[in-house]
């Protein structure tokens, strides 16, 4: 395992500082669990109806070192048991963003789901960034697949 990358965090005004910062549930976890941290007037949480989306606050802003990103991913248990997911997964937090961290949460399940204050809602994965350089070319190299698109590999 490589050395940890330090992600500095700052509390958003009104955040509940008793809600833990993102943390890893096990020594082998790739993602740090991040929790819902509602402002004082919404500490009772929110009920997310089937098919609906909501922006869930985390109560923090982060400082990610240049050359890294933080990917926001769904928690598999919430997805399997309740249909709770992140519609833009994986979301990316860029190293130059300093605003509040919010989670776009969707209920793809059949039943209303209560998002409680302090609940673990997503995972944050710290990853290095490799930037590409895009340029126009007169032709592209040939491959066996060629221009075959969606479903063209024959995998059903």
Protein backbone atom coordinates (compact mmCIF):
# COMPACT_ATOMS: atom_id res chain seq x y z
CA UNK A 1 0.00 0.00 0.00
CA UNK A 2 1.23 3.50 -0.77
CA UNK A 3 1.47 6.29 1.77
CA UNK A 4 -1.83 8.06 2.48
CA UNK A 5 -2.52 11.35 0.69
CA UNK A 6 -3.63 14.08 3.08
CA UNK A 7 -7.04 15.54 2.27
CA UNK A 8 -7.59 18.63 4.39
CA UNK A 9 -11.16 19.38 5.45
CA UNK A 10 -12.99 22.36 6.87
CA UNK A 11 -16.42 22.38 8.51
CA UNK A 12 -19.23 24.21 6.76
CA UNK A 13 -20.97 26.78 8.94
CA UNK A 14 -23.71 25.05 10.93
CA UNK A 15 -22.29 21.56 10.41
CA UNK A 16 -22.58 19.09 13.27
CA UNK A 17 -18.97 18.55 14.33
CA UNK A 18 -19.94 15.35 16.15
CA UNK A 19 -20.54 13.66 12.78
CA UNK A 20 -17.25 11.90 11.94
CA UNK A 21 -15.08 13.01 9.06
CA UNK A 22 -14.83 10.51 6.19
CA UNK A 23 -13.16 7.34 7.44
CA UNK A 24 -12.31 3.83 6.32
CA UNK A 25 -14.46 1.07 7.84
CA UNK A 26 -11.78 -1.63 7.50
CA UNK A 27 -8.01 -1.71 6.92
CA UNK A 28 -8.55 -2.97 3.34
CA UNK A 29 -11.28 -0.47 2.38
CA UNK A 30 -10.55 1.57 -0.76
CA UNK A 31 -13.31 4.08 -0.04
CA UNK A 32 -13.77 6.29 3.01
CA UNK A 33 -17.39 6.45 4.18
CA UNK A 34 -18.84 9.96 4.11
CA UNK A 35 -21.93 10.82 6.12
CA UNK A 36 -24.99 13.00 5.82
CA UNK A 37 -24.52 16.15 7.89
CA UNK A 38 -27.69 18.19 7.73
CA UNK A 39 -27.87 21.81 8.93
CA UNK A 40 -29.62 22.45 12.27
CA UNK A 41 -33.07 23.03 10.72
CA UNK A 42 -32.93 19.64 8.89
CA UNK A 43 -31.25 17.41 11.50
CA UNK A 44 -34.29 15.14 11.42
CA UNK A 45 -33.11 13.96 8.01
CA UNK A 46 -35.15 13.61 4.86
CA UNK A 47 -37.40 10.99 3.28
CA UNK A 48 -36.45 10.22 -0.31
CA UNK A 49 -39.38 8.98 -2.38
CA UNK A 50 -38.89 6.36 -5.13
CA UNK A 51 -37.50 7.96 -8.28
CA UNK A 52 -36.54 11.17 -6.50
CA UNK A 53 -33.11 12.80 -6.11
CA UNK A 54 -31.85 15.01 -3.31
CA UNK A 55 -28.62 16.85 -2.55
CA UNK A 56 -27.34 15.51 0.77
CA UNK A 57 -24.88 17.80 2.55
CA UNK A 58 -21.77 16.36 4.19
CA UNK A 59 -20.91 19.39 6.31
CA UNK A 60 -17.39 19.69 4.93
CA UNK A 61 -15.29 21.33 2.26
CA UNK A 62 -12.08 19.60 1.19
CA UNK A 63 -8.65 20.53 -0.14
CA UNK A 64 -7.32 17.85 -2.48
CA UNK A 65 -3.65 18.01 -3.47
CA UNK A 66 -2.91 18.90 -7.09
CA UNK A 67 -2.52 15.75 -9.17
CA UNK A 68 -5.33 13.94 -7.34
CA UNK A 69 -9.11 13.76 -7.44
CA UNK A 70 -11.65 12.31 -5.05
CA UNK A 71 -14.20 10.01 -6.64
CA UNK A 72 -17.65 9.81 -5.03
CA UNK A 73 -19.20 6.34 -5.27
CA UNK A 74 -22.37 4.65 -4.01
CA UNK A 75 -22.31 2.30 -1.04
CA UNK A 76 -23.08 -1.22 -2.24
CA UNK A 77 -25.21 -2.15 0.78
CA UNK A 78 -27.54 0.82 0.30
CA UNK A 79 -27.80 0.02 -3.42
CA UNK A 80 -28.58 -3.66 -2.92
CA UNK A 81 -30.94 -3.39 0.04
CA UNK A 82 -32.74 -0.13 -0.77
CA UNK A 83 -31.94 0.96 -4.35
CA UNK A 84 -30.08 4.03 -3.07
CA UNK A 85 -27.46 5.20 -5.55
CA UNK A 86 -25.62 8.22 -6.90
CA UNK A 87 -26.87 8.97 -10.43
CA UNK A 88 -23.61 10.63 -11.49
CA UNK A 89 -21.35 7.89 -10.10
CA UNK A 90 -18.54 8.08 -9.97
CA UNK A 91 -18.67 11.77 -9.27
CA UNK A 92 -15.42 13.69 -9.32
CA UNK A 93 -14.22 16.31 -6.88
CA UNK A 94 -11.43 18.26 -8.57
CA UNK A 95 -8.33 19.45 -6.74
CA UNK A 96 -9.23 23.11 -7.33
CA UNK A 97 -12.78 22.89 -5.86
CA UNK A 98 -13.14 24.34 -2.37
CA UNK A 99 -16.91 24.51 -1.90
CA UNK A 100 -19.19 22.37 0.25
CA UNK A 101 -19.25 18.67 -0.58
CA UNK A 102 -22.75 17.50 -1.47
CA UNK A 103 -23.94 14.06 -2.55
CA UNK A 104 -26.52 13.69 -5.33
CA UNK A 105 -28.54 10.76 -3.97
CA UNK A 106 -31.28 8.93 -5.88
CA UNK A 107 -33.83 6.40 -4.73
CA UNK A 108 -34.04 3.79 -7.50
CA UNK A 109 -35.91 1.47 -5.16
CA UNK A 110 -39.63 0.85 -4.69
CA UNK A 111 -40.06 2.25 -1.18
CA UNK A 112 -39.44 5.63 0.45
CA UNK A 113 -36.05 5.76 2.15
CA UNK A 114 -35.16 7.83 5.20
CA UNK A 115 -31.77 9.51 5.08
CA UNK A 116 -30.86 10.11 8.71
CA UNK A 117 -28.46 12.72 10.01
CA UNK A 118 -25.04 11.07 10.40
CA UNK A 119 -25.87 8.12 8.09
CA UNK A 120 -23.05 6.76 5.90
CA UNK A 121 -24.23 7.70 2.40
CA UNK A 122 -21.32 7.30 -0.03
CA UNK A 123 -17.66 6.42 -0.37
CA UNK A 124 -14.79 8.73 -1.26
CA UNK A 125 -11.90 7.22 -3.21
CA UNK A 126 -8.70 9.25 -3.58
CA UNK A 127 -7.10 8.68 -7.00
CA UNK A 128 -4.21 10.10 -9.02
CA UNK A 129 -5.12 12.09 -12.12
CA UNK A 130 -3.51 11.55 -15.50
CA UNK A 131 -4.35 14.31 -17.96
CA UNK A 132 -4.61 13.66 -21.68
CA UNK A 133 -3.84 15.93 -24.58
CA UNK A 134 -6.48 15.87 -27.29
CA UNK A 135 -5.56 16.62 -30.88
CA UNK A 136 -7.19 16.28 -34.27
CA UNK A 137 -5.77 13.53 -36.49
CA UNK A 138 -6.43 12.86 -40.18
CA UNK A 139 -6.92 9.15 -39.46
CA UNK A 140 -7.05 6.83 -36.48
CA UNK A 141 -5.29 3.47 -36.16
CA UNK A 142 -7.21 0.33 -37.14
CA UNK A 143 -8.37 -2.25 -34.59
CA UNK A 144 -10.32 -5.50 -34.79
CA UNK A 145 -13.37 -3.77 -33.36
CA UNK A 146 -13.16 -0.73 -35.60
CA UNK A 147 -16.22 1.52 -35.35
CA UNK A 148 -18.41 -1.09 -33.63
CA UNK A 149 -20.27 0.63 -30.81
CA UNK A 150 -22.73 -0.37 -28.13
CA UNK A 151 -23.14 -4.14 -28.02
CA UNK A 152 -20.77 -4.73 -30.94
CA UNK A 153 -18.45 -7.10 -29.03
CA UNK A 154 -21.19 -9.76 -28.97
CA UNK A 155 -21.38 -9.84 -25.16
CA UNK A 156 -24.99 -10.26 -24.13
